[in-house]
């Protein structure tokens, strides 16, 4: 089962462009990341620049509208993520509880939808999706 662990740092929604984490916090996080890798559960991970450096594309009335960050209405924004492959939701939660997060950070855990989760008509409509991911159809 694949899970995405989403880091939500409070206050990051108003962080200035170029804001970077503290080196000690990064060192602690790297030890955690190494534990995930050593356990064989880590698929990928990345940190994200603050929303002030991003953009949003909305589709009101069916037309794309680009809005540059920061986004004044945002209250929870992502600071980074891990994609892990574990046996259960409980195992994903256990990994999240080991994270050296600070008191202003939350980790949201979301299971990734697998093709087998969908009814046959949706699987048919999504034919070729695994190839786009670089996975086999049994994958």
N, C-alpha and C. Protein backbone atom coordinates (compact mmCIF):
# COMPACT_ATOMS: atom_id res chain seq x y z
N UNK A 1 0.84 -1.17 0.00
CA UNK A 1 0.00 0.00 0.00
C UNK A 1 0.89 1.24 0.00
N UNK A 2 0.59 2.12 -0.91
CA UNK A 2 1.36 3.36 -0.96
C UNK A 2 0.61 4.46 -0.21
N UNK A 3 1.37 5.23 0.52
CA UNK A 3 0.82 6.36 1.27
C UNK A 3 1.69 7.57 1.00
N UNK A 4 1.03 8.72 0.95
CA UNK A 4 1.74 9.98 0.88
C UNK A 4 1.63 10.63 2.25
N UNK A 5 2.75 10.99 2.81
CA UNK A 5 2.77 11.73 4.06
C UNK A 5 3.07 13.18 3.69
N UNK A 6 2.13 14.05 3.99
CA UNK A 6 2.22 15.45 3.59
C UNK A 6 2.58 16.33 4.78
N UNK A 7 3.69 17.02 4.70
CA UNK A 7 4.12 17.92 5.78
C UNK A 7 3.41 19.25 5.62
N UNK A 8 2.71 19.67 6.67
CA UNK A 8 1.97 20.93 6.66
C UNK A 8 2.53 21.81 7.78
N UNK A 9 3.47 22.69 7.46
CA UNK A 9 4.04 23.57 8.49
C UNK A 9 3.20 24.83 8.67
N UNK A 10 2.68 25.03 9.85
CA UNK A 10 1.89 26.23 10.14
C UNK A 10 2.78 27.46 9.96
N UNK A 11 2.23 28.48 9.33
CA UNK A 11 2.99 29.71 9.08
C UNK A 11 3.68 29.72 7.73
N UNK A 12 3.83 28.56 7.09
CA UNK A 12 4.52 28.50 5.80
C UNK A 12 3.74 29.21 4.70
N UNK A 13 2.43 29.34 4.92
CA UNK A 13 1.60 30.02 3.92
C UNK A 13 1.98 31.48 3.75
N UNK A 14 2.65 32.07 4.73
CA UNK A 14 3.08 33.47 4.63
C UNK A 14 4.60 33.61 4.55
N UNK A 15 5.31 32.51 4.37
CA UNK A 15 6.78 32.57 4.30
C UNK A 15 7.24 33.34 3.08
N UNK A 16 8.28 34.11 3.26
CA UNK A 16 8.84 34.92 2.17
C UNK A 16 9.52 34.02 1.14
N UNK A 17 9.59 34.47 -0.10
CA UNK A 17 10.33 33.72 -1.12
C UNK A 17 11.75 33.43 -0.64
N UNK A 18 12.20 32.21 -0.90
CA UNK A 18 13.55 31.83 -0.53
C UNK A 18 13.72 31.38 0.91
N UNK A 19 12.63 31.36 1.69
CA UNK A 19 12.72 30.89 3.08
C UNK A 19 13.27 29.47 3.10
N UNK A 20 14.26 29.23 3.95
CA UNK A 20 14.89 27.91 4.04
C UNK A 20 14.83 27.41 5.47
N UNK A 21 14.78 26.09 5.65
CA UNK A 21 14.75 25.53 7.00
C UNK A 21 16.10 25.65 7.69
N UNK A 22 16.07 25.52 9.00
CA UNK A 22 17.25 25.53 9.84
C UNK A 22 18.09 24.27 9.59
N UNK A 23 19.41 24.41 9.57
CA UNK A 23 20.30 23.28 9.29
C UNK A 23 20.15 22.15 10.30
N UNK A 24 19.93 22.47 11.58
CA UNK A 24 19.76 21.41 12.59
C UNK A 24 18.48 20.62 12.33
N UNK A 25 17.41 21.32 11.95
CA UNK A 25 16.15 20.64 11.63
C UNK A 25 16.32 19.74 10.40
N UNK A 26 17.07 20.23 9.42
CA UNK A 26 17.32 19.43 8.22
C UNK A 26 18.14 18.19 8.57
N UNK A 27 19.14 18.33 9.42
CA UNK A 27 19.96 17.18 9.81
C UNK A 27 19.11 16.11 10.51
N UNK A 28 18.22 16.54 11.40
CA UNK A 28 17.33 15.59 12.09
C UNK A 28 16.40 14.92 11.08
N UNK A 29 15.89 15.69 10.14
CA UNK A 29 14.99 15.14 9.13
C UNK A 29 15.72 14.16 8.23
N UNK A 30 16.98 14.44 7.93
CA UNK A 30 17.77 13.52 7.09
C UNK A 30 17.99 12.18 7.79
N UNK A 31 18.16 12.21 9.10
CA UNK A 31 18.28 10.93 9.83
C UNK A 31 16.98 10.14 9.72
N UNK A 32 15.85 10.82 9.84
CA UNK A 32 14.54 10.18 9.68
C UNK A 32 14.38 9.64 8.26
N UNK A 33 14.75 10.44 7.26
CA UNK A 33 14.66 10.00 5.87
C UNK A 33 15.52 8.77 5.63
N UNK A 34 16.69 8.74 6.23
CA UNK A 34 17.57 7.58 6.09
C UNK A 34 16.94 6.35 6.73
N UNK A 35 16.27 6.52 7.86
CA UNK A 35 15.57 5.39 8.49
C UNK A 35 14.49 4.83 7.56
N UNK A 36 13.74 5.73 6.90
CA UNK A 36 12.73 5.28 5.93
C UNK A 36 13.38 4.49 4.80
N UNK A 37 14.50 5.02 4.30
CA UNK A 37 15.21 4.34 3.20
C UNK A 37 15.76 2.99 3.66
N UNK A 38 16.40 2.98 4.83
CA UNK A 38 16.98 1.73 5.35
C UNK A 38 15.93 0.66 5.59
N UNK A 39 14.71 1.07 5.94
CA UNK A 39 13.62 0.12 6.17
C UNK A 39 13.02 -0.37 4.86
N UNK A 40 13.42 0.24 3.73
CA UNK A 40 12.92 -0.19 2.43
C UNK A 40 11.51 0.29 2.11
N UNK A 41 11.04 1.32 2.82
CA UNK A 41 9.67 1.80 2.59
C UNK A 41 9.61 3.11 1.80
N UNK A 42 10.73 3.81 1.67
CA UNK A 42 10.74 5.10 1.00
C UNK A 42 10.72 4.94 -0.52
N UNK A 43 9.76 5.60 -1.16
CA UNK A 43 9.70 5.63 -2.62
C UNK A 43 10.34 6.92 -3.12
N UNK A 44 9.90 8.06 -2.59
CA UNK A 44 10.46 9.35 -2.96
C UNK A 44 10.10 10.38 -1.89
N UNK A 45 10.76 11.51 -1.92
CA UNK A 45 10.48 12.60 -0.99
C UNK A 45 11.01 13.88 -1.57
N UNK A 46 10.41 14.98 -1.18
CA UNK A 46 10.87 16.30 -1.60
C UNK A 46 10.34 17.35 -0.65
N UNK A 47 11.09 18.43 -0.52
CA UNK A 47 10.61 19.62 0.15
C UNK A 47 10.12 20.60 -0.90
N UNK A 48 9.24 21.49 -0.50
CA UNK A 48 8.66 22.45 -1.43
C UNK A 48 8.98 23.87 -1.02
N UNK A 49 9.25 24.73 -1.99
CA UNK A 49 9.43 26.15 -1.71
C UNK A 49 8.11 26.71 -1.20
N UNK A 50 8.14 27.85 -0.51
CA UNK A 50 6.90 28.42 0.03
C UNK A 50 5.94 28.86 -1.08
N UNK A 51 4.66 28.95 -0.74
CA UNK A 51 3.66 29.35 -1.72
C UNK A 51 3.93 30.71 -2.36
N UNK A 52 4.68 31.57 -1.68
CA UNK A 52 4.99 32.89 -2.24
C UNK A 52 5.78 32.77 -3.54
N UNK A 53 6.38 31.61 -3.79
CA UNK A 53 7.14 31.38 -5.02
C UNK A 53 6.34 30.56 -6.03
N UNK A 54 5.11 30.20 -5.68
CA UNK A 54 4.31 29.33 -6.53
C UNK A 54 3.26 30.07 -7.33
N UNK A 55 2.44 29.30 -7.98
CA UNK A 55 1.30 29.81 -8.74
C UNK A 55 0.18 28.79 -8.64
N UNK A 56 -1.03 29.26 -8.82
CA UNK A 56 -2.20 28.40 -8.89
C UNK A 56 -2.89 28.64 -10.22
N UNK A 57 -3.39 27.57 -10.79
CA UNK A 57 -4.19 27.67 -11.99
C UNK A 57 -5.59 27.19 -11.64
N UNK A 58 -6.56 28.09 -11.68
CA UNK A 58 -7.95 27.73 -11.41
C UNK A 58 -8.70 27.72 -12.73
N UNK A 59 -9.88 27.11 -12.72
CA UNK A 59 -10.62 26.93 -13.96
C UNK A 59 -12.06 27.41 -13.82
N UNK A 60 -12.25 28.59 -13.24
CA UNK A 60 -13.58 29.17 -13.13
C UNK A 60 -14.13 29.37 -14.54
N UNK A 61 -15.36 28.98 -14.72
CA UNK A 61 -16.03 29.11 -16.02
C UNK A 61 -15.30 28.36 -17.13
N UNK A 62 -14.50 27.34 -16.75
CA UNK A 62 -13.83 26.49 -17.73
C UNK A 62 -12.59 27.07 -18.37
N UNK A 63 -12.18 28.27 -17.96
CA UNK A 63 -10.99 28.90 -18.54
C UNK A 63 -9.89 28.98 -17.49
N UNK A 64 -8.64 28.68 -17.87
CA UNK A 64 -7.56 28.76 -16.90
C UNK A 64 -7.26 30.19 -16.48
N UNK A 65 -7.10 30.37 -15.18
CA UNK A 65 -6.72 31.66 -14.61
C UNK A 65 -5.52 31.42 -13.70
N UNK A 66 -4.41 32.09 -13.98
CA UNK A 66 -3.18 31.92 -13.21
C UNK A 66 -3.10 33.00 -12.13
N UNK A 67 -2.86 32.56 -10.90
CA UNK A 67 -2.68 33.48 -9.77
C UNK A 67 -1.32 33.19 -9.15
N UNK A 68 -0.47 34.20 -9.06
CA UNK A 68 0.83 34.04 -8.42
C UNK A 68 0.67 34.05 -6.90
N UNK A 69 1.54 33.28 -6.20
CA UNK A 69 1.54 33.27 -4.75
C UNK A 69 2.12 34.56 -4.21
N UNK A 70 1.93 34.83 -2.93
CA UNK A 70 1.24 33.97 -1.96
C UNK A 70 -0.27 34.03 -2.15
N UNK A 71 -0.94 33.07 -1.54
CA UNK A 71 -2.38 32.91 -1.69
C UNK A 71 -3.04 33.30 -0.39
N UNK A 72 -3.67 34.45 -0.37
CA UNK A 72 -4.19 35.01 0.88
C UNK A 72 -5.22 34.13 1.56
N UNK A 73 -5.95 33.33 0.80
CA UNK A 73 -6.98 32.50 1.40
C UNK A 73 -6.45 31.17 1.93
N UNK A 74 -5.19 30.87 1.68
CA UNK A 74 -4.61 29.59 2.11
C UNK A 74 -4.42 29.57 3.62
N UNK A 75 -4.85 28.46 4.24
CA UNK A 75 -4.58 28.33 5.66
C UNK A 75 -3.69 27.13 5.95
N UNK A 76 -3.74 26.09 5.13
CA UNK A 76 -2.84 24.95 5.25
C UNK A 76 -2.14 24.76 3.91
N UNK A 77 -0.81 24.78 3.92
CA UNK A 77 -0.05 24.57 2.70
C UNK A 77 0.98 23.48 2.92
N UNK A 78 1.41 22.86 1.84
CA UNK A 78 2.40 21.79 1.94
C UNK A 78 3.81 22.35 1.97
N UNK A 79 4.62 21.77 2.83
CA UNK A 79 6.03 22.12 2.89
C UNK A 79 6.90 21.04 2.28
N UNK A 80 6.32 19.86 2.11
CA UNK A 80 7.05 18.74 1.53
C UNK A 80 6.23 17.48 1.66
N UNK A 81 6.81 16.37 1.16
CA UNK A 81 6.08 15.11 1.20
C UNK A 81 7.05 13.93 1.15
N UNK A 82 6.54 12.80 1.58
CA UNK A 82 7.20 11.51 1.42
C UNK A 82 6.19 10.58 0.76
N UNK A 83 6.63 9.74 -0.14
CA UNK A 83 5.81 8.66 -0.66
C UNK A 83 6.43 7.38 -0.12
N UNK A 84 5.63 6.61 0.60
CA UNK A 84 6.13 5.38 1.20
C UNK A 84 5.28 4.20 0.77
N UNK A 85 5.85 3.02 0.85
CA UNK A 85 5.15 1.78 0.51
C UNK A 85 5.23 0.89 1.74
N UNK A 86 4.10 0.73 2.41
CA UNK A 86 4.03 -0.03 3.66
C UNK A 86 2.86 -1.00 3.61
N UNK A 87 2.76 -1.85 4.60
CA UNK A 87 1.74 -2.90 4.62
C UNK A 87 0.35 -2.41 5.03
N UNK A 88 0.29 -1.27 5.73
CA UNK A 88 -1.01 -0.85 6.26
C UNK A 88 -1.03 0.64 6.60
N UNK A 89 -2.22 1.14 6.81
CA UNK A 89 -2.41 2.52 7.29
C UNK A 89 -1.74 2.69 8.65
N UNK A 90 -1.87 1.69 9.51
CA UNK A 90 -1.24 1.76 10.83
C UNK A 90 0.27 1.89 10.73
N UNK A 91 0.88 1.19 9.78
CA UNK A 91 2.33 1.30 9.61
C UNK A 91 2.70 2.70 9.11
N UNK A 92 1.90 3.27 8.21
CA UNK A 92 2.16 4.63 7.74
C UNK A 92 2.06 5.61 8.91
N UNK A 93 1.06 5.44 9.75
CA UNK A 93 0.92 6.30 10.94
C UNK A 93 2.12 6.13 11.86
N UNK A 94 2.56 4.91 12.04
CA UNK A 94 3.73 4.67 12.90
C UNK A 94 4.95 5.41 12.38
N UNK A 95 5.16 5.38 11.06
CA UNK A 95 6.29 6.12 10.49
C UNK A 95 6.12 7.62 10.70
N UNK A 96 4.92 8.13 10.51
CA UNK A 96 4.69 9.57 10.69
C UNK A 96 4.97 10.00 12.12
N UNK A 97 4.64 9.16 13.10
CA UNK A 97 4.86 9.52 14.50
C UNK A 97 6.34 9.57 14.85
N UNK A 98 7.19 8.95 14.05
CA UNK A 98 8.63 8.97 14.29
C UNK A 98 9.31 10.21 13.71
N UNK A 99 8.60 11.00 12.92
CA UNK A 99 9.18 12.16 12.27
C UNK A 99 9.61 13.21 13.30
N UNK A 100 10.78 13.80 13.14
CA UNK A 100 11.24 14.82 14.07
C UNK A 100 10.63 16.20 13.75
N UNK A 101 9.33 16.24 13.62
CA UNK A 101 8.63 17.47 13.28
C UNK A 101 8.63 18.42 14.48
N UNK A 102 8.51 19.70 14.17
CA UNK A 102 8.44 20.70 15.24
C UNK A 102 6.98 20.91 15.64
N UNK A 103 6.78 21.69 16.68
CA UNK A 103 5.44 21.87 17.25
C UNK A 103 4.48 22.60 16.30
N UNK A 104 5.00 23.22 15.25
CA UNK A 104 4.12 23.93 14.31
C UNK A 104 3.85 23.11 13.05
N UNK A 105 4.22 21.84 13.06
CA UNK A 105 4.07 21.01 11.86
C UNK A 105 3.06 19.88 12.08
N UNK A 106 2.36 19.56 11.03
CA UNK A 106 1.38 18.47 11.01
C UNK A 106 1.73 17.58 9.84
N UNK A 107 1.57 16.28 9.99
CA UNK A 107 1.72 15.36 8.86
C UNK A 107 0.36 14.75 8.57
N UNK A 108 -0.12 14.96 7.36
CA UNK A 108 -1.36 14.34 6.90
C UNK A 108 -0.97 13.09 6.12
N UNK A 109 -1.66 12.00 6.38
CA UNK A 109 -1.36 10.73 5.73
C UNK A 109 -2.52 10.38 4.80
N UNK A 110 -2.21 10.16 3.53
CA UNK A 110 -3.23 9.85 2.53
C UNK A 110 -2.82 8.62 1.74
N UNK A 111 -3.71 7.64 1.67
CA UNK A 111 -3.43 6.45 0.87
C UNK A 111 -3.56 6.79 -0.61
N UNK A 112 -2.65 6.28 -1.40
CA UNK A 112 -2.66 6.49 -2.84
C UNK A 112 -3.68 5.53 -3.47
N UNK A 113 -4.48 6.05 -4.38
CA UNK A 113 -5.44 5.21 -5.08
C UNK A 113 -4.71 4.27 -6.03
N UNK A 114 -5.02 3.00 -5.92
CA UNK A 114 -4.47 2.00 -6.82
C UNK A 114 -5.54 1.66 -7.86
N UNK A 115 -5.13 1.27 -9.06
CA UNK A 115 -6.09 0.98 -10.11
C UNK A 115 -7.12 -0.06 -9.65
N UNK A 116 -6.70 -1.03 -8.88
CA UNK A 116 -7.61 -2.08 -8.41
C UNK A 116 -8.71 -1.53 -7.49
N UNK A 117 -8.53 -0.33 -6.96
CA UNK A 117 -9.55 0.28 -6.09
C UNK A 117 -10.77 0.73 -6.88
N UNK A 118 -10.66 0.89 -8.18
CA UNK A 118 -11.71 1.48 -9.01
C UNK A 118 -12.58 0.42 -9.65
N UNK A 119 -13.84 0.76 -9.94
CA UNK A 119 -14.70 -0.17 -10.67
C UNK A 119 -14.20 -0.34 -12.11
N UNK A 120 -14.69 -1.37 -12.77
CA UNK A 120 -14.20 -1.73 -14.11
C UNK A 120 -14.32 -0.59 -15.11
N UNK A 121 -15.41 0.19 -15.08
CA UNK A 121 -15.57 1.26 -16.06
C UNK A 121 -14.53 2.36 -15.88
N UNK A 122 -14.16 2.63 -14.64
CA UNK A 122 -13.13 3.64 -14.37
C UNK A 122 -11.76 3.09 -14.79
N UNK A 123 -11.50 1.82 -14.50
CA UNK A 123 -10.24 1.21 -14.94
C UNK A 123 -10.11 1.26 -16.46
N UNK A 124 -11.23 1.02 -17.16
CA UNK A 124 -11.22 1.08 -18.62
C UNK A 124 -10.94 2.50 -19.10
N UNK A 125 -11.56 3.48 -18.47
CA UNK A 125 -11.36 4.89 -18.85
C UNK A 125 -9.92 5.32 -18.60
N UNK A 126 -9.27 4.70 -17.64
CA UNK A 126 -7.89 5.05 -17.28
C UNK A 126 -6.86 4.12 -17.92
N UNK A 127 -7.25 3.39 -18.93
CA UNK A 127 -6.33 2.47 -19.60
C UNK A 127 -5.07 3.22 -20.00
N UNK A 128 -3.92 2.66 -19.70
CA UNK A 128 -2.64 3.27 -20.01
C UNK A 128 -2.04 4.09 -18.88
N UNK A 129 -2.79 4.25 -17.79
CA UNK A 129 -2.31 5.06 -16.67
C UNK A 129 -1.01 4.51 -16.09
N UNK A 130 -0.94 3.18 -15.91
CA UNK A 130 0.28 2.59 -15.33
C UNK A 130 1.49 2.85 -16.23
N UNK A 131 1.28 2.82 -17.54
CA UNK A 131 2.39 3.09 -18.46
C UNK A 131 2.90 4.52 -18.29
N UNK A 132 1.97 5.46 -18.02
CA UNK A 132 2.38 6.84 -17.77
C UNK A 132 3.23 6.95 -16.52
N UNK A 133 2.97 6.08 -15.55
CA UNK A 133 3.72 6.07 -14.31
C UNK A 133 5.00 5.28 -14.43
N UNK A 134 5.17 4.56 -15.53
CA UNK A 134 6.35 3.71 -15.69
C UNK A 134 6.21 2.41 -14.92
N UNK A 135 4.97 2.00 -14.66
CA UNK A 135 4.71 0.74 -13.93
C UNK A 135 4.04 -0.25 -14.86
N UNK A 136 4.15 -1.51 -14.51
CA UNK A 136 3.43 -2.52 -15.26
C UNK A 136 1.96 -2.50 -14.85
N UNK A 137 1.10 -3.07 -15.64
CA UNK A 137 -0.34 -3.09 -15.34
C UNK A 137 -0.64 -3.84 -14.06
N UNK A 138 0.23 -4.75 -13.65
CA UNK A 138 0.01 -5.51 -12.41
C UNK A 138 0.55 -4.78 -11.20
N UNK A 139 1.29 -3.72 -11.40
CA UNK A 139 1.94 -3.01 -10.50
C UNK A 139 2.04 -2.49 -9.27
